[in-house]
Protein backbone atom coordinates (compact mmCIF):
# COMPACT_ATOMS: atom_id res chain seq x y z
CA MET A 1 75.69 -19.33 48.18
CA LYS A 2 74.86 -15.97 46.59
CA VAL A 3 75.44 -12.28 47.19
CA THR A 4 72.43 -10.07 47.91
CA SER A 5 73.42 -6.50 47.07
CA LEU A 6 76.20 -4.08 46.25
CA ASP A 7 77.52 -2.12 49.24
CA HIS A 8 80.02 0.15 47.48
CA LEU A 9 82.32 0.43 44.52
CA VAL A 10 85.62 2.25 44.05
CA LEU A 11 86.49 4.86 41.45
CA THR A 12 90.12 5.73 40.95
CA VAL A 13 90.29 9.41 40.00
CA ALA A 14 92.93 11.90 38.90
CA ASP A 15 91.68 14.68 41.20
CA ILE A 16 89.46 13.94 44.20
CA SER A 17 88.42 17.61 44.59
CA ALA A 18 87.29 17.86 40.95
CA THR A 19 85.42 14.57 41.25
CA VAL A 20 83.68 15.65 44.46
CA ALA A 21 82.70 18.97 42.87
CA PHE A 22 81.24 17.27 39.79
CA TYR A 23 79.22 14.62 41.63
CA THR A 24 77.90 16.96 44.34
CA GLU A 25 77.06 19.87 42.04
CA ALA A 26 75.91 18.00 38.94
CA LEU A 27 74.31 14.90 40.48
CA GLY A 28 73.41 16.05 44.00
CA VAL A 29 75.25 13.29 45.86
CA GLU A 30 76.74 13.87 49.33
CA VAL A 31 80.44 13.65 50.15
CA GLU A 32 81.62 11.71 53.17
CA THR A 33 85.11 11.98 54.64
CA PHE A 34 85.94 9.05 56.88
CA HIS A 35 88.86 7.63 58.82
CA PRO A 36 89.15 3.83 58.82
CA ALA A 37 91.10 1.88 61.42
CA ASP A 38 94.36 2.23 59.41
CA GLY A 39 94.43 5.96 60.21
CA THR A 40 94.07 7.21 56.63
CA THR A 41 91.62 9.86 55.47
CA ARG A 42 89.30 8.69 52.73
CA HIS A 43 86.49 10.20 50.69
CA ALA A 44 83.26 8.72 49.39
CA LEU A 45 80.24 9.86 47.41
CA THR A 46 77.00 8.78 49.10
CA PHE A 47 73.44 8.53 47.82
CA GLY A 48 70.58 6.37 49.07
CA ALA A 49 72.05 3.29 50.74
CA GLN A 50 75.07 3.20 48.42
CA LYS A 51 78.46 4.82 48.21
CA ILE A 52 81.35 5.23 45.82
CA ASN A 53 84.74 5.24 47.52
CA LEU A 54 87.31 7.47 45.82
CA HIS A 55 90.96 6.50 45.38
CA GLN A 56 93.51 9.06 44.23
CA LEU A 57 95.34 7.78 41.13
CA GLY A 58 98.87 6.86 42.17
CA SER A 59 97.96 6.72 45.88
CA GLU A 60 95.37 3.94 45.89
CA PHE A 61 94.55 2.03 49.07
CA GLU A 62 95.40 -1.66 49.28
CA PRO A 63 94.07 -3.99 48.20
CA LYS A 64 93.15 -2.45 44.86
CA ALA A 65 92.12 -3.48 41.38
CA ALA A 66 94.73 -5.24 39.28
CA HIS A 67 94.72 -2.59 36.53
CA VAL A 68 94.02 0.77 38.17
CA GLN A 69 93.00 3.48 35.73
CA ALA A 70 91.04 6.70 36.01
CA GLY A 71 88.20 7.09 33.52
CA SER A 72 87.38 3.42 32.94
CA GLY A 73 84.02 3.43 34.75
CA ASP A 74 80.53 3.21 33.28
CA LEU A 75 77.89 3.96 35.94
CA CYS A 76 74.11 4.16 35.80
CA PHE A 77 72.26 6.25 38.39
CA LEU A 78 68.48 6.02 38.86
CA THR A 79 66.40 9.12 39.55
CA ASP A 80 62.75 10.00 40.02
CA MET A 81 63.35 13.42 38.44
CA PRO A 82 62.44 13.34 34.70
CA VAL A 83 65.46 13.13 32.40
CA ALA A 84 64.19 16.24 30.57
CA ASP A 85 64.64 18.16 33.85
CA TRP A 86 68.11 16.64 34.20
CA MET A 87 69.03 17.86 30.73
CA ARG A 88 68.04 21.43 31.65
CA HIS A 89 69.87 21.16 34.99
CA LEU A 90 73.06 19.88 33.38
CA GLU A 91 72.93 22.49 30.64
CA GLY A 92 72.64 25.15 33.36
CA LYS A 93 75.85 23.77 34.88
CA GLY A 94 77.61 23.95 31.51
CA LEU A 95 77.66 20.16 31.19
CA GLY A 96 76.76 18.61 27.87
CA VAL A 97 74.69 15.50 27.44
CA GLU A 98 76.59 13.11 25.18
CA GLU A 99 73.59 11.00 24.21
CA GLY A 100 69.92 10.76 24.99
CA PRO A 101 67.27 10.53 25.97
CA VAL A 102 67.39 6.94 24.77
CA SER A 103 65.65 3.72 25.77
CA ARG A 104 67.79 1.20 27.64
CA THR A 105 67.30 -1.88 29.78
CA GLY A 106 68.32 -1.77 33.44
CA ALA A 107 68.58 -4.40 36.14
CA THR A 108 64.84 -4.45 36.77
CA GLY A 109 63.41 -3.36 33.42
CA PRO A 110 63.21 -0.55 30.85
CA LEU A 111 64.91 2.81 31.38
CA LEU A 112 64.95 6.21 29.73
CA SER A 113 68.55 7.43 29.92
CA ILE A 114 70.88 10.32 29.21
CA TYR A 115 74.68 10.10 29.16
CA LEU A 116 77.44 12.49 30.16
CA ARG A 117 81.08 12.29 31.30
CA ASP A 118 82.66 13.06 34.66
CA PRO A 119 86.03 14.88 34.94
CA ASP A 120 87.95 11.62 34.38
CA GLY A 121 85.90 10.60 31.35
CA ASN A 122 83.83 7.96 33.16
CA LEU A 123 80.54 7.41 31.36
CA ILE A 124 77.64 8.53 33.57
CA GLU A 125 74.10 7.39 32.77
CA VAL A 126 71.18 9.10 34.51
CA SER A 127 67.96 7.12 34.12
CA ASN A 128 64.27 6.97 34.85
CA ARG A 129 62.62 3.60 35.29
CA LEU A 130 59.74 3.22 32.84
């Protein structure tokens, strides 16, 4: 028995609108609003074949993580756009790069990465495979 891939993950956030604005404007992801069978309205960030479901802090959907907290994530996103271009793009958006470019190791090999923070303080890594 073994799993084969990650379908989605959940980020609990203090402000869904601020989170959507950051990820769409800074990282170019798409936002999806969907309505599951329970009748609720939910939001997700989509890119490639993956998505990040968003839960509003204090109004999380069940079941949920045992210790819900905004700002505890550490996510690495892969891109084909050079990290130097990302640094210029982020600077143009008024977003500072906290660290990088630095060499790291990803799931399939070496990376060149930069780091920044989203509105909740989650650590965001944007990386090129080397």
